[in-house]
PDB file of N, CA and C in Angstrom:
ATOM      1  N   MET A   1       0.806  -1.199   0.000  1.00  0.00           N
ATOM      2  CA  MET A   1       0.000   0.000   0.000  1.00  0.00           C
ATOM      3  C   MET A   1       0.851   1.264   0.000  1.00  0.00           C
ATOM      4  N   PRO A   2       1.961   1.333   0.742  1.00  0.00           N
ATOM      5  CA  PRO A   2       2.787   2.543   0.687  1.00  0.00           C
ATOM      6  C   PRO A   2       3.337   2.807  -0.717  1.00  0.00           C
ATOM      7  N   THR A   3       3.551   1.742  -1.491  1.00  0.00           N
ATOM      8  CA  THR A   3       4.047   1.917  -2.851  1.00  0.00           C
ATOM      9  C   THR A   3       3.005   2.616  -3.713  1.00  0.00           C
ATOM     10  N   LEU A   4       1.740   2.254  -3.550  1.00  0.00           N
ATOM     11  CA  LEU A   4       0.661   2.879  -4.305  1.00  0.00           C
ATOM     12  C   LEU A   4       0.530   4.358  -3.941  1.00  0.00           C
ATOM     13  N   THR A   5       0.687   4.675  -2.673  1.00  0.00           N
ATOM     14  CA  THR A   5       0.627   6.066  -2.226  1.00  0.00           C
ATOM     15  C   THR A   5       1.781   6.871  -2.806  1.00  0.00           C
ATOM     16  N   LEU A   6       2.953   6.296  -2.802  1.00  0.00           N
ATOM     17  CA  LEU A   6       4.119   6.971  -3.364  1.00  0.00           C
ATOM     18  C   LEU A   6       3.964   7.170  -4.864  1.00  0.00           C
ATOM     19  N   LEU A   7       3.476   6.160  -5.559  1.00  0.00           N
ATOM     20  CA  LEU A   7       3.254   6.259  -6.996  1.00  0.00           C
ATOM     21  C   LEU A   7       2.222   7.334  -7.317  1.00  0.00           C
ATOM     22  N   SER A   8       1.191   7.412  -6.519  1.00  0.00           N
ATOM     23  CA  SER A   8       0.162   8.426  -6.711  1.00  0.00           C
ATOM     24  C   SER A   8       0.737   9.831  -6.507  1.00  0.00           C
ATOM     25  N   ALA A   9       1.560  10.007  -5.501  1.00  0.00           N
ATOM     26  CA  ALA A   9       2.165  11.311  -5.243  1.00  0.00           C
ATOM     27  C   ALA A   9       3.114  11.714  -6.366  1.00  0.00           C
ATOM     28  N   VAL A  10       3.870  10.760  -6.877  1.00  0.00           N
ATOM     29  CA  VAL A  10       4.795  11.047  -7.985  1.00  0.00           C
ATOM     30  C   VAL A  10       4.013  11.415  -9.241  1.00  0.00           C
ATOM     31  N   LEU A  11       2.946  10.683  -9.530  1.00  0.00           N
ATOM     32  CA  LEU A  11       2.124  10.984 -10.700  1.00  0.00           C
ATOM     33  C   LEU A  11       1.513  12.375 -10.583  1.00  0.00           C
ATOM     34  N   GLU A  12       1.034  12.722  -9.408  1.00  0.00           N
ATOM     35  CA  GLU A  12       0.451  14.047  -9.201  1.00  0.00           C
ATOM     36  C   GLU A  12       1.481  15.151  -9.421  1.00  0.00           C
ATOM     37  N   GLN A  13       2.697  14.945  -8.952  1.00  0.00           N
ATOM     38  CA  GLN A  13       3.751  15.941  -9.145  1.00  0.00           C
ATOM     39  C   GLN A  13       4.132  16.079 -10.609  1.00  0.00           C
ATOM     40  N   ILE A  14       4.159  14.979 -11.342  1.00  0.00           N
ATOM     41  CA  ILE A  14       4.479  15.043 -12.767  1.00  0.00           C
ATOM     42  C   ILE A  14       3.394  15.799 -13.529  1.00  0.00           C
ATOM     43  N   VAL A  15       2.139  15.516 -13.208  1.00  0.00           N
ATOM     44  CA  VAL A  15       1.034  16.220 -13.865  1.00  0.00           C
ATOM     45  C   VAL A  15       1.080  17.702 -13.509  1.00  0.00           C
ATOM     46  N   GLN A  16       1.343  18.021 -12.253  1.00  0.00           N
ATOM     47  CA  GLN A  16       1.432  19.418 -11.825  1.00  0.00           C
ATOM     48  C   GLN A  16       2.559  20.138 -12.550  1.00  0.00           C
ATOM     49  N   TRP A  17       3.693  19.486 -12.700  1.00  0.00           N
ATOM     50  CA  TRP A  17       4.841  20.103 -13.342  1.00  0.00           C
ATOM     51  C   TRP A  17       4.597  20.321 -14.831  1.00  0.00           C
ATOM     52  N   LYS A  18       3.999  19.339 -15.494  1.00  0.00           N
ATOM     53  CA  LYS A  18       3.833  19.419 -16.938  1.00  0.00           C
ATOM     54  C   LYS A  18       2.590  20.207 -17.353  1.00  0.00           C
ATOM     55  N   TYR A  19       1.477  20.050 -16.652  1.00  0.00           N
ATOM     56  CA  TYR A  19       0.216  20.642 -17.083  1.00  0.00           C
ATOM     57  C   TYR A  19      -0.337  21.697 -16.125  1.00  0.00           C
ATOM     58  N   GLY A  20       0.326  21.950 -15.030  1.00  0.00           N
ATOM     59  CA  GLY A  20      -0.080  23.013 -14.120  1.00  0.00           C
ATOM     60  C   GLY A  20      -1.290  22.663 -13.280  1.00  0.00           C
ATOM     61  N   THR A  21      -1.938  23.698 -12.811  1.00  0.00           N
ATOM     62  CA  THR A  21      -3.073  23.533 -11.911  1.00  0.00           C
ATOM     63  C   THR A  21      -4.248  22.853 -12.608  1.00  0.00           C
ATOM     64  N   THR A  22      -4.445  23.160 -13.873  1.00  0.00           N
ATOM     65  CA  THR A  22      -5.551  22.548 -14.606  1.00  0.00           C
ATOM     66  C   THR A  22      -5.376  21.039 -14.691  1.00  0.00           C
ATOM     67  N   GLY A  23      -4.171  20.586 -14.892  1.00  0.00           N
ATOM     68  CA  GLY A  23      -3.904  19.146 -14.923  1.00  0.00           C
ATOM     69  C   GLY A  23      -4.175  18.485 -13.590  1.00  0.00           C
ATOM     70  N   THR A  24      -3.813  19.175 -12.516  1.00  0.00           N
ATOM     71  CA  THR A  24      -4.068  18.637 -11.183  1.00  0.00           C
ATOM     72  C   THR A  24      -5.566  18.544 -10.913  1.00  0.00           C
ATOM     73  N   VAL A  25      -6.308  19.556 -11.317  1.00  0.00           N
ATOM     74  CA  VAL A  25      -7.766  19.521 -11.144  1.00  0.00           C
ATOM     75  C   VAL A  25      -8.370  18.379 -11.957  1.00  0.00           C
ATOM     76  N   GLY A  26      -7.906  18.190 -13.184  1.00  0.00           N
ATOM     77  CA  GLY A  26      -8.401  17.086 -14.006  1.00  0.00           C
ATOM     78  C   GLY A  26      -8.105  15.744 -13.382  1.00  0.00           C
ATOM     79  N   LEU A  27      -6.880  15.572 -12.872  1.00  0.00           N
ATOM     80  CA  LEU A  27      -6.513  14.320 -12.217  1.00  0.00           C
ATOM     81  C   LEU A  27      -7.329  14.110 -10.948  1.00  0.00           C
ATOM     82  N   LEU A  28      -7.569  15.169 -10.201  1.00  0.00           N
ATOM     83  CA  LEU A  28      -8.374  15.078  -8.987  1.00  0.00           C
ATOM     84  C   LEU A  28      -9.810  14.671  -9.313  1.00  0.00           C
ATOM     85  N   LEU A  29     -10.399  15.298 -10.334  1.00  0.00           N
ATOM     86  CA  LEU A  29     -11.765  14.931 -10.723  1.00  0.00           C
ATOM     87  C   LEU A  29     -11.843  13.482 -11.190  1.00  0.00           C
ATOM     88  N   LEU A  30     -10.852  13.064 -11.951  1.00  0.00           N
ATOM     89  CA  LEU A  30     -10.834  11.682 -12.429  1.00  0.00           C
ATOM     90  C   LEU A  30     -10.726  10.700 -11.266  1.00  0.00           C
ATOM     91  N   THR A  31      -9.855  10.988 -10.320  1.00  0.00           N
ATOM     92  CA  THR A  31      -9.653  10.100  -9.176  1.00  0.00           C
ATOM     93  C   THR A  31     -10.875  10.060  -8.260  1.00  0.00           C
ATOM     94  N   VAL A  32     -11.395  11.220  -7.923  1.00  0.00           N
ATOM     95  CA  VAL A  32     -12.557  11.277  -7.025  1.00  0.00           C
ATOM     96  C   VAL A  32     -13.773  10.652  -7.692  1.00  0.00           C
ATOM     97  N   GLY A  33     -13.957  10.922  -8.984  1.00  0.00           N
ATOM     98  CA  GLY A  33     -15.092  10.343  -9.696  1.00  0.00           C
ATOM     99  C   GLY A  33     -15.027   8.835  -9.761  1.00  0.00           C
ATOM    100  N   THR A  34     -13.822   8.307  -9.937  1.00  0.00           N
ATOM    101  CA  THR A  34     -13.666   6.850  -9.993  1.00  0.00           C
ATOM    102  C   THR A  34     -13.922   6.219  -8.630  1.00  0.00           C
ATOM    103  N   LYS A  35     -13.355   6.806  -7.584  1.00  0.00           N
ATOM    104  CA  LYS A  35     -13.528   6.232  -6.248  1.00  0.00           C
ATOM    105  C   LYS A  35     -14.966   6.372  -5.741  1.00  0.00           C
ATOM    106  N   ALA A  36     -15.624   7.478  -6.086  1.00  0.00           N
ATOM    107  CA  ALA A  36     -16.999   7.697  -5.627  1.00  0.00           C
ATOM    108  C   ALA A  36     -18.027   7.095  -6.581  1.00  0.00           C
ATOM    109  N   ARG A  37     -17.546   6.488  -7.656  1.00  0.00           N
ATOM    110  CA  ARG A  37     -18.415   5.898  -8.687  1.00  0.00           C
ATOM    111  C   ARG A  37     -19.390   6.917  -9.240  1.00  0.00           C
ATOM    112  N   ARG A  38     -18.847   8.083  -9.565  1.00  0.00           N
ATOM    113  CA  ARG A  38     -19.608   9.166 -10.191  1.00  0.00           C
ATOM    114  C   ARG A  38     -19.083   9.358 -11.612  1.00  0.00           C
ATOM    115  N   PRO A  39     -19.793   8.842 -12.604  1.00  0.00           N
ATOM    116  CA  PRO A  39     -19.298   8.925 -13.977  1.00  0.00           C
ATOM    117  C   PRO A  39     -19.143  10.352 -14.488  1.00  0.00           C
ATOM    118  N   ALA A  40     -19.970  11.267 -14.012  1.00  0.00           N
ATOM    119  CA  ALA A  40     -19.869  12.650 -14.481  1.00  0.00           C
ATOM    120  C   ALA A  40     -18.537  13.279 -14.059  1.00  0.00           C
ATOM    121  N   LEU A  41     -18.136  13.031 -12.818  1.00  0.00           N
ATOM    122  CA  LEU A  41     -16.866  13.588 -12.339  1.00  0.00           C
ATOM    123  C   LEU A  41     -15.674  12.965 -13.043  1.00  0.00           C
ATOM    124  N   SER A  42     -15.685  11.657 -13.172  1.00  0.00           N
ATOM    125  CA  SER A  42     -14.558  11.002 -13.823  1.00  0.00           C
ATOM    126  C   SER A  42     -14.496  11.361 -15.299  1.00  0.00           C
ATOM    127  N   SER A  43     -15.627  11.530 -15.941  1.00  0.00           N
ATOM    128  CA  SER A  43     -15.636  11.941 -17.343  1.00  0.00           C
ATOM    129  C   SER A  43     -15.121  13.364 -17.508  1.00  0.00           C
ATOM    130  N   ALA A  44     -15.509  14.256 -16.611  1.00  0.00           N
ATOM    131  CA  ALA A  44     -15.022  15.630 -16.680  1.00  0.00           C
ATOM    132  C   ALA A  44     -13.507  15.672 -16.500  1.00  0.00           C
ATOM    133  N   GLY A  45     -13.000  14.907 -15.555  1.00  0.00           N
ATOM    134  CA  GLY A  45     -11.553  14.852 -15.353  1.00  0.00           C
ATOM    135  C   GLY A  45     -10.830  14.275 -16.549  1.00  0.00           C
ATOM    136  N   ALA A  46     -11.401  13.241 -17.156  1.00  0.00           N
ATOM    137  CA  ALA A  46     -10.782  12.631 -18.334  1.00  0.00           C
ATOM    138  C   ALA A  46     -10.788  13.593 -19.511  1.00  0.00           C
ATOM    139  N   VAL A  47     -11.853  14.346 -19.679  1.00  0.00           N
ATOM    140  CA  VAL A  47     -11.922  15.317 -20.774  1.00  0.00           C
ATOM    141  C   VAL A  47     -10.909  16.428 -20.571  1.00  0.00           C
ATOM    142  N   ILE A  48     -10.773  16.915 -19.358  1.00  0.00           N
ATOM    143  CA  ILE A  48      -9.786  17.960 -19.069  1.00  0.00           C
ATOM    144  C   ILE A  48      -8.381  17.465 -19.380  1.00  0.00           C
ATOM    145  N   LEU A  49      -8.043  16.270 -18.923  1.00  0.00           N
ATOM    146  CA  LEU A  49      -6.717  15.718 -19.193  1.00  0.00           C
ATOM    147  C   LEU A  49      -6.509  15.476 -20.685  1.00  0.00           C
ATOM    148  N   ALA A  50      -7.539  15.007 -21.376  1.00  0.00           N
ATOM    149  CA  ALA A  50      -7.424  14.776 -22.815  1.00  0.00           C
ATOM    150  C   ALA A  50      -7.173  16.078 -23.559  1.00  0.00           C
ATOM    151  N   PHE A  51      -7.866  17.142 -23.179  1.00  0.00           N
ATOM    152  CA  PHE A  51      -7.635  18.442 -23.823  1.00  0.00           C
ATOM    153  C   PHE A  51      -6.222  18.946 -23.569  1.00  0.00           C
ATOM    154  N   LEU A  52      -5.742  18.755 -22.370  1.00  0.00           N
ATOM    155  CA  LEU A  52      -4.378  19.210 -22.057  1.00  0.00           C
ATOM    156  C   LEU A  52      -3.325  18.422 -22.826  1.00  0.00           C
ATOM    157  N   VAL A  53      -3.531  17.120 -22.958  1.00  0.00           N
ATOM    158  CA  VAL A  53      -2.548  16.279 -23.640  1.00  0.00           C
ATOM    159  C   VAL A  53      -2.588  16.509 -25.150  1.00  0.00           C
ATOM    160  N   THR A  54      -3.777  16.620 -25.731  1.00  0.00           N
ATOM    161  CA  THR A  54      -3.872  16.748 -27.180  1.00  0.00           C
ATOM    162  C   THR A  54      -3.889  18.189 -27.662  1.00  0.00           C
ATOM    163  N   GLY A  55      -3.970  19.145 -26.764  1.00  0.00           N
ATOM    164  CA  GLY A  55      -4.026  20.559 -27.143  1.00  0.00           C
ATOM    165  C   GLY A  55      -2.876  20.994 -28.036  1.00  0.00           C
ATOM    166  N   PRO A  56      -1.617  20.720 -27.673  1.00  0.00           N
ATOM    167  CA  PRO A  56      -0.513  21.134 -28.539  1.00  0.00           C
ATOM    168  C   PRO A  56      -0.517  20.449 -29.901  1.00  0.00           C
ATOM    169  N   ALA A  57      -0.978  19.228 -29.985  1.00  0.00           N
ATOM    170  CA  ALA A  57      -0.996  18.509 -31.257  1.00  0.00           C
ATOM    171  C   ALA A  57      -2.097  19.063 -32.184  1.00  0.00           C
ATOM    172  N   VAL A  58      -3.209  19.466 -31.595  1.00  0.00           N
ATOM    173  CA  VAL A  58      -4.314  19.971 -32.390  1.00  0.00           C
ATOM    174  C   VAL A  58      -4.012  21.370 -32.927  1.00  0.00           C
ATOM    175  N   SER A  59      -3.375  22.203 -32.136  1.00  0.00           N
ATOM    176  CA  SER A  59      -3.121  23.575 -32.567  1.00  0.00           C
ATOM    177  C   SER A  59      -1.919  23.698 -33.505  1.00  0.00           C
ATOM    178  N   SER A  60      -1.153  22.647 -33.695  1.00  0.00           N
ATOM    179  CA  SER A  60      -0.015  22.731 -34.618  1.00  0.00           C
ATOM    180  C   SER A  60      -0.440  22.560 -36.037  1.00  0.00           C
TER     181      SER A  60
END
């Protein structure tokens, strides 16, 4: 279990570093939506992350 916590913290820091606050909010919505079994929250988080990841490719 400590390994999962450490991995989660590292992933959050990588998202924060690369995508900023918006990426962290997207990851938070995705995580909370999945754990709470709320498809609307997890979908919103996934859409935010998808826009951040594909944004540079689409605008080029």
